[in-house]
Amino acid sequence: TAVTTDATGDIYLTGSTSSSDFPTQTAEQSQLGCDPSAPAGCQNAFVVKLDPTGHTLLFSTYLGGSSQDSGAAIAVDTNGNVIVAGVSESSDFPHAGAVLSPSCQINNSCYFLASLKPDGSALNYSGQIGGSEGSYANGNNGRLAVDASGNAYLAGITDSPNFQITSGTLVPSISGYPNTSTFVLKIDPTGKLLYSTAIPGDAASNPLSGFNNFFLPTGIAVDSSGQATVSGTGGPGLPTTVGVVAAAFPNAVTNVENPIAGYVLQLNATASAINYGTYVPGTDTLGGMAVDNSGNLYLA
């Protein structure tokens, strides 16, 4: 489901497997963590490293517990540590480091975030991120970025009123189900939570739009100053700023069920303020994104 490379051209993959004979090497988890014959099914994430030719398996490991787990995004930091994000239903998903896994109560799929050592043999940190109502919906498996210091940034959505929000960020708390909130959080190389914020919406209730104040993230990037930028698709209510491409929702809201538009929003380095927020006219959604050394964004 995701691929990246490092500075030397080595290739890193993540995804999911139900195979008990999936090839492993120098693995942190050498065996499938669940029973493939169980009625409810079984699936673990995997993380694989190949040489630049794709001919040599440098490491391969399962990552998961006794239920359903799937890798969705992968990145490599400057020290060669491999960070992977995805979704998990396993109450016994591997835990290591400072990640506050107990917040996830497994009423629905939760996100996970894990960091493996460069040889894949051990975890730097690992754990689930979620709450009482689950933190995975609408096919969003999490979007991941890593900065030059090895901090990981995860963007996703949650229905959980007890999803952890840190003080000093954009909102003090979220309302939870039936409202869905977009979150962005930052974790240091030990798994410690540095910030977690939701993106507040400012649209009034509109019976024509089930997407009011809903901003599904499809991409995240971080610049050299630690400013995280999120792209995606959403309805009316994005907290836009002055002087941007489109401060107002650009698509029709009359006689259209659930109108949507692509958006881009950048947080400052502490997630205490929005540097800019804009819709992108003529789009329904934006996909992946990248940022260069000058802070310019590239969108698709």
Protein backbone atom coordinates (compact mmCIF):
# COMPACT_ATOMS: atom_id res chain seq x y z
CA THR A 1 0.00 0.00 0.00
CA ALA A 2 2.98 2.39 0.35
CA VAL A 3 6.60 2.64 -0.74
CA THR A 4 9.57 4.94 -0.13
CA THR A 5 13.33 4.97 -0.66
CA ASP A 6 16.29 6.26 1.31
CA ALA A 7 19.32 8.31 0.24
CA THR A 8 21.18 5.19 -0.93
CA GLY A 9 18.26 3.86 -2.97
CA ASP A 10 17.13 1.09 -0.64
CA ILE A 11 13.40 0.38 -1.01
CA TYR A 12 10.89 0.20 1.85
CA LEU A 13 7.39 -1.27 1.60
CA THR A 14 4.41 -1.69 3.89
CA GLY A 15 1.03 -3.33 3.48
CA SER A 16 -0.84 -6.25 4.98
CA THR A 17 -0.77 -10.03 4.82
CA SER A 18 -2.69 -13.02 6.12
CA SER A 19 0.05 -15.46 5.11
CA SER A 20 1.73 -17.44 7.87
CA ASP A 21 4.62 -18.16 5.49
CA PHE A 22 5.32 -14.55 4.52
CA PRO A 23 9.14 -14.33 4.16
CA THR A 24 10.83 -12.72 7.17
CA GLN A 25 14.45 -11.80 7.81
CA THR A 26 16.10 -10.16 10.86
CA ALA A 27 12.50 -9.62 11.93
CA GLU A 28 11.25 -7.77 14.97
CA GLN A 29 8.18 -10.05 14.69
CA SER A 30 8.96 -13.28 12.88
CA GLN A 31 5.49 -14.86 13.03
CA LEU A 32 1.96 -13.81 12.14
CA GLY A 33 0.38 -12.46 15.32
CA CYS A 34 -3.07 -13.87 14.63
CA ASP A 35 -4.74 -17.13 13.61
CA PRO A 36 -5.49 -17.19 9.85
CA SER A 37 -8.10 -19.93 10.41
CA ALA A 38 -10.14 -17.84 12.87
CA PRO A 39 -13.73 -17.07 11.73
CA ALA A 40 -13.13 -13.33 12.07
CA GLY A 41 -10.11 -13.50 9.83
CA CYS A 42 -6.56 -12.40 10.43
CA GLN A 43 -4.27 -9.76 9.01
CA ASN A 44 -1.01 -8.16 10.11
CA ALA A 45 0.92 -5.26 8.70
CA PHE A 46 4.35 -5.97 7.24
CA VAL A 47 7.47 -3.86 6.75
CA VAL A 48 10.06 -4.84 4.13
CA LYS A 49 13.43 -3.39 3.07
CA LEU A 50 14.98 -4.29 -0.29
CA ASP A 51 18.28 -3.29 -1.86
CA PRO A 52 18.21 -0.75 -4.74
CA THR A 53 17.93 -3.51 -7.35
CA GLY A 54 14.95 -5.15 -5.63
CA HIS A 55 16.82 -8.48 -5.76
CA THR A 56 17.91 -8.75 -2.11
CA LEU A 57 15.70 -8.85 0.97
CA LEU A 58 17.53 -6.81 3.63
CA PHE A 59 14.86 -7.21 6.29
CA SER A 60 11.23 -8.23 6.50
CA THR A 61 8.95 -8.34 9.52
CA TYR A 62 5.34 -8.74 10.51
CA LEU A 63 3.85 -5.97 12.66
CA GLY A 64 0.58 -6.63 14.44
CA GLY A 65 -1.48 -8.50 17.01
CA SER A 66 -4.26 -11.06 17.15
CA SER A 67 -6.81 -9.31 14.93
CA GLN A 68 -6.73 -7.04 11.84
CA ASP A 69 -3.79 -4.66 11.27
CA SER A 70 -2.71 -2.97 8.04
CA GLY A 71 0.20 -0.71 7.10
CA ALA A 72 -0.78 2.34 5.04
CA ALA A 73 2.13 4.82 5.00
CA ILE A 74 5.91 4.57 5.37
CA ALA A 75 8.87 6.93 5.73
CA VAL A 76 12.58 6.75 6.62
CA ASP A 77 14.34 9.31 8.81
CA THR A 78 17.89 10.58 8.39
CA ASN A 79 19.22 7.89 10.76
CA GLY A 80 17.66 5.06 8.77
CA ASN A 81 14.84 4.36 11.22
CA VAL A 82 11.68 3.18 9.44
CA ILE A 83 8.40 4.80 10.47
CA VAL A 84 5.14 3.18 9.46
CA ALA A 85 1.51 4.16 10.06
CA GLY A 86 -1.74 2.34 9.48
CA VAL A 87 -4.86 1.01 11.18
CA SER A 88 -5.28 -1.66 13.83
CA GLU A 89 -8.07 -3.61 15.52
CA SER A 90 -5.76 -5.67 17.75
CA SER A 91 -5.98 -5.04 21.50
CA ASP A 92 -2.52 -6.62 21.76
CA PHE A 93 -0.87 -4.56 19.03
CA PRO A 94 2.86 -4.25 19.87
CA HIS A 95 3.64 -1.43 22.29
CA ALA A 96 7.07 0.13 22.83
CA GLY A 97 8.47 3.52 23.74
CA ALA A 98 6.38 6.47 24.89
CA VAL A 99 3.28 6.05 22.67
CA LEU A 100 0.12 6.36 24.79
CA SER A 101 -1.61 3.27 23.43
CA PRO A 102 -4.14 2.77 26.28
CA SER A 103 -6.30 5.59 24.88
CA CYS A 104 -7.49 3.26 22.12
CA GLN A 105 -10.48 1.22 23.24
CA ILE A 106 -10.93 -0.91 20.10
CA ASN A 107 -14.61 -0.18 19.49
CA ASN A 108 -13.49 0.47 15.94
CA SER A 109 -10.21 0.49 14.08
CA CYS A 110 -7.59 2.82 15.53
CA TYR A 111 -4.50 4.24 13.91
CA PHE A 112 -1.06 2.95 14.78
CA LEU A 113 2.36 4.54 14.53
CA ALA A 114 5.59 2.56 14.83
CA SER A 115 9.31 3.12 14.34
CA LEU A 116 11.70 0.26 13.55
CA LYS A 117 15.47 0.31 13.88
CA PRO A 118 17.37 0.45 10.56
CA ASP A 119 17.89 -3.33 10.46
CA GLY A 120 14.24 -4.09 11.28
CA SER A 121 15.16 -6.18 14.33
CA ALA A 122 13.57 -4.05 17.06
CA LEU A 123 11.07 -1.27 17.69
CA ASN A 124 12.06 2.23 18.72
CA TYR A 125 8.42 2.88 19.54
CA SER A 126 5.05 1.44 18.63
CA GLY A 127 1.46 1.90 19.68
CA GLN A 128 -2.11 2.70 18.82
CA ILE A 129 -3.72 6.13 18.62
CA GLY A 130 -7.44 6.50 19.09
CA GLY A 131 -10.29 6.65 21.55
CA SER A 132 -13.68 5.32 22.59
CA GLU A 133 -15.41 5.73 19.21
CA GLY A 134 -12.60 4.62 16.95
CA SER A 135 -10.37 6.77 14.80
CA TYR A 136 -10.67 5.35 11.33
CA ALA A 137 -13.42 6.02 8.82
CA ASN A 138 -14.13 6.82 5.19
CA GLY A 139 -11.20 4.73 4.01
CA ASN A 140 -8.61 7.02 5.62
CA ASN A 141 -5.71 4.89 6.86
CA GLY A 142 -3.54 7.80 7.97
CA ARG A 143 -1.06 10.09 6.24
CA LEU A 144 2.54 10.29 7.42
CA ALA A 145 5.52 12.65 7.19
CA VAL A 146 8.90 12.79 8.95
CA ASP A 147 11.11 15.82 9.51
CA ALA A 148 14.91 16.13 9.57
CA SER A 149 15.00 15.53 13.33
CA GLY A 150 13.12 12.24 13.08
CA ASN A 151 9.81 13.57 14.40
CA ALA A 152 6.77 11.88 12.85
CA TYR A 153 3.58 13.70 11.81
CA LEU A 154 0.31 11.79 11.43
CA ALA A 155 -2.90 13.17 9.90
CA GLY A 156 -6.20 11.34 10.14
CA ILE A 157 -9.80 11.56 11.31
CA THR A 158 -11.55 10.64 14.53
CA ASP A 159 -15.05 10.39 16.01
CA SER A 160 -13.73 10.05 19.58
CA PRO A 161 -14.60 12.74 22.14
CA ASN A 162 -11.69 11.50 24.28
CA PHE A 163 -9.12 11.63 21.48
CA GLN A 164 -6.09 13.28 23.07
CA ILE A 165 -5.72 16.97 22.20
CA THR A 166 -2.77 18.84 23.72
CA SER A 167 -3.07 22.26 25.32
CA GLY A 168 -2.06 25.35 23.36
CA THR A 169 -3.16 23.97 19.99
CA LEU A 170 -6.01 25.10 17.73
CA VAL A 171 -8.85 23.61 19.81
CA PRO A 172 -9.11 22.58 23.48
CA SER A 173 -11.17 19.45 22.70
CA ILE A 174 -13.38 17.83 20.09
CA SER A 175 -17.07 16.96 20.26
CA GLY A 176 -16.82 13.40 18.96
CA TYR A 177 -19.53 11.25 17.37
CA PRO A 178 -21.58 12.00 15.30
CA ASN A 179 -19.12 14.70 14.26
CA THR A 180 -15.87 13.64 12.59
CA SER A 181 -12.75 15.73 13.20
CA THR A 182 -9.48 15.92 11.30
CA PHE A 183 -6.42 15.68 13.52
CA VAL A 184 -2.71 16.30 13.08
CA LEU A 185 -0.24 15.07 15.68
CA LYS A 186 3.53 15.11 16.12
CA ILE A 187 5.60 12.42 17.86
CA ASP A 188 9.30 12.57 18.72
CA PRO A 189 11.81 9.74 17.95
CA THR A 190 11.00 8.03 21.29
CA GLY A 191 7.25 8.01 20.64
CA LYS A 192 6.47 10.95 22.95
CA LEU A 193 3.52 13.09 21.88
CA LEU A 194 4.70 16.64 21.16
CA TYR A 195 1.37 18.02 19.99
CA SER A 196 -2.06 16.88 18.87
CA THR A 197 -4.66 19.20 17.39
CA ALA A 198 -7.91 19.08 15.50
CA ILE A 199 -8.74 21.32 12.54
CA PRO A 200 -11.77 23.41 13.56
CA GLY A 201 -14.56 24.12 11.11
CA ASP A 202 -16.58 27.34 10.98
CA ALA A 203 -19.58 26.40 8.79
CA ALA A 204 -23.16 26.50 10.03
CA SER A 205 -25.19 23.32 9.79
CA ASN A 206 -26.38 22.72 6.23
CA PRO A 207 -28.78 19.85 5.49
CA LEU A 208 -27.55 19.78 1.88
CA SER A 209 -24.00 18.98 2.96
CA GLY A 210 -22.98 16.06 5.14
CA PHE A 211 -19.42 17.29 4.65
CA ASN A 212 -19.76 20.60 6.47
CA ASN A 213 -16.65 21.03 8.68
CA PHE A 214 -15.28 17.68 7.46
CA PHE A 215 -11.78 17.73 5.96
CA LEU A 216 -10.50 14.30 4.93
CA PRO A 217 -6.67 14.38 4.78
CA THR A 218 -5.08 12.75 1.72
CA GLY A 219 -1.53 14.07 2.08
CA ILE A 220 0.84 15.62 4.63
CA ALA A 221 4.27 17.20 4.28
CA VAL A 222 6.59 19.01 6.69
CA ASP A 223 9.12 21.73 5.86
CA SER A 224 12.53 22.51 7.35
CA SER A 225 10.91 24.74 9.99
CA GLY A 226 8.68 21.94 11.27
CA GLN A 227 5.50 23.38 9.75
CA ALA A 228 3.06 20.66 8.75
CA THR A 229 0.89 21.11 5.66
CA VAL A 230 -2.17 18.94 5.04
CA SER A 231 -4.06 18.50 1.77
CA GLY A 232 -7.28 16.68 1.12
CA THR A 233 -10.96 16.95 0.32
CA GLY A 234 -13.68 18.61 2.35
CA GLY A 235 -16.90 20.52 2.50
CA PRO A 236 -17.69 24.07 3.59
CA GLY A 237 -16.17 25.35 6.83
CA LEU A 238 -12.41 25.18 6.27
CA PRO A 239 -10.73 27.87 8.42
CA THR A 240 -9.28 29.78 5.47
CA THR A 241 -7.02 32.82 5.74
CA VAL A 242 -6.79 36.20 4.03
CA GLY A 243 -5.12 36.53 0.62
CA VAL A 244 -5.24 32.85 -0.39
CA VAL A 245 -6.32 31.35 -3.70
CA ALA A 246 -9.88 30.65 -2.54
CA ALA A 247 -11.01 31.69 0.92
CA ALA A 248 -14.62 30.77 0.19
CA PHE A 249 -15.89 27.30 -0.61
CA PRO A 250 -15.64 27.27 -4.44
CA ASN A 251 -18.12 24.57 -5.46
CA ALA A 252 -21.90 24.63 -5.68
CA VAL A 253 -23.85 23.99 -2.50
CA THR A 254 -27.30 24.39 -4.11
CA ASN A 255 -29.07 21.24 -5.35
CA VAL A 256 -25.87 19.24 -4.77
CA GLU A 257 -25.70 16.55 -2.15
CA ASN A 258 -22.46 16.66 -0.15
CA PRO A 259 -20.47 19.16 -2.25
CA ILE A 260 -16.71 18.89 -1.77
CA ALA A 261 -13.54 20.68 -2.83
CA GLY A 262 -9.80 20.17 -2.49
CA TYR A 263 -8.01 22.11 0.23
CA VAL A 264 -4.54 22.92 1.57
CA LEU A 265 -3.87 24.02 5.16
CA GLN A 266 -0.56 24.74 6.89
CA LEU A 267 0.01 24.77 10.66
CA ASN A 268 2.78 26.63 12.41
CA ALA A 269 5.51 24.61 14.11
CA THR A 270 3.59 24.21 17.39
CA ALA A 271 0.11 23.75 15.89
CA SER A 272 -1.04 26.82 17.80
CA ALA A 273 -2.05 28.74 14.67
CA ILE A 274 -2.89 28.32 11.00
CA ASN A 275 -0.34 29.89 8.66
CA TYR A 276 -2.70 29.61 5.72
CA GLY A 277 -5.76 27.69 4.65
CA THR A 278 -7.26 27.66 1.18
CA TYR A 279 -9.60 25.75 -1.06
CA VAL A 280 -8.35 24.88 -4.55
CA PRO A 281 -10.91 25.92 -7.17
CA GLY A 282 -11.85 23.41 -9.84
CA THR A 283 -11.05 20.37 -7.71
CA ASP A 284 -13.04 17.86 -5.72
CA THR A 285 -9.99 16.41 -3.99
CA LEU A 286 -6.22 16.64 -3.77
CA GLY A 287 -4.01 13.59 -3.46
CA GLY A 288 -0.38 13.25 -2.45
CA MET A 289 1.92 16.20 -1.83
CA ALA A 290 5.58 17.04 -1.36
CA VAL A 291 7.59 20.02 -0.10
CA ASP A 292 11.03 21.15 -1.31
CA ASN A 293 13.89 22.76 0.62
CA SER A 294 12.45 26.23 -0.01
CA GLY A 295 9.06 25.29 1.44
CA ASN A 296 7.27 25.21 -1.91
CA LEU A 297 4.44 22.69 -2.15
CA TYR A 298 3.75 20.29 -5.01
CA LEU A 299 0.22 18.90 -5.22
CA ALA A 300 -1.58 16.32 -7.31
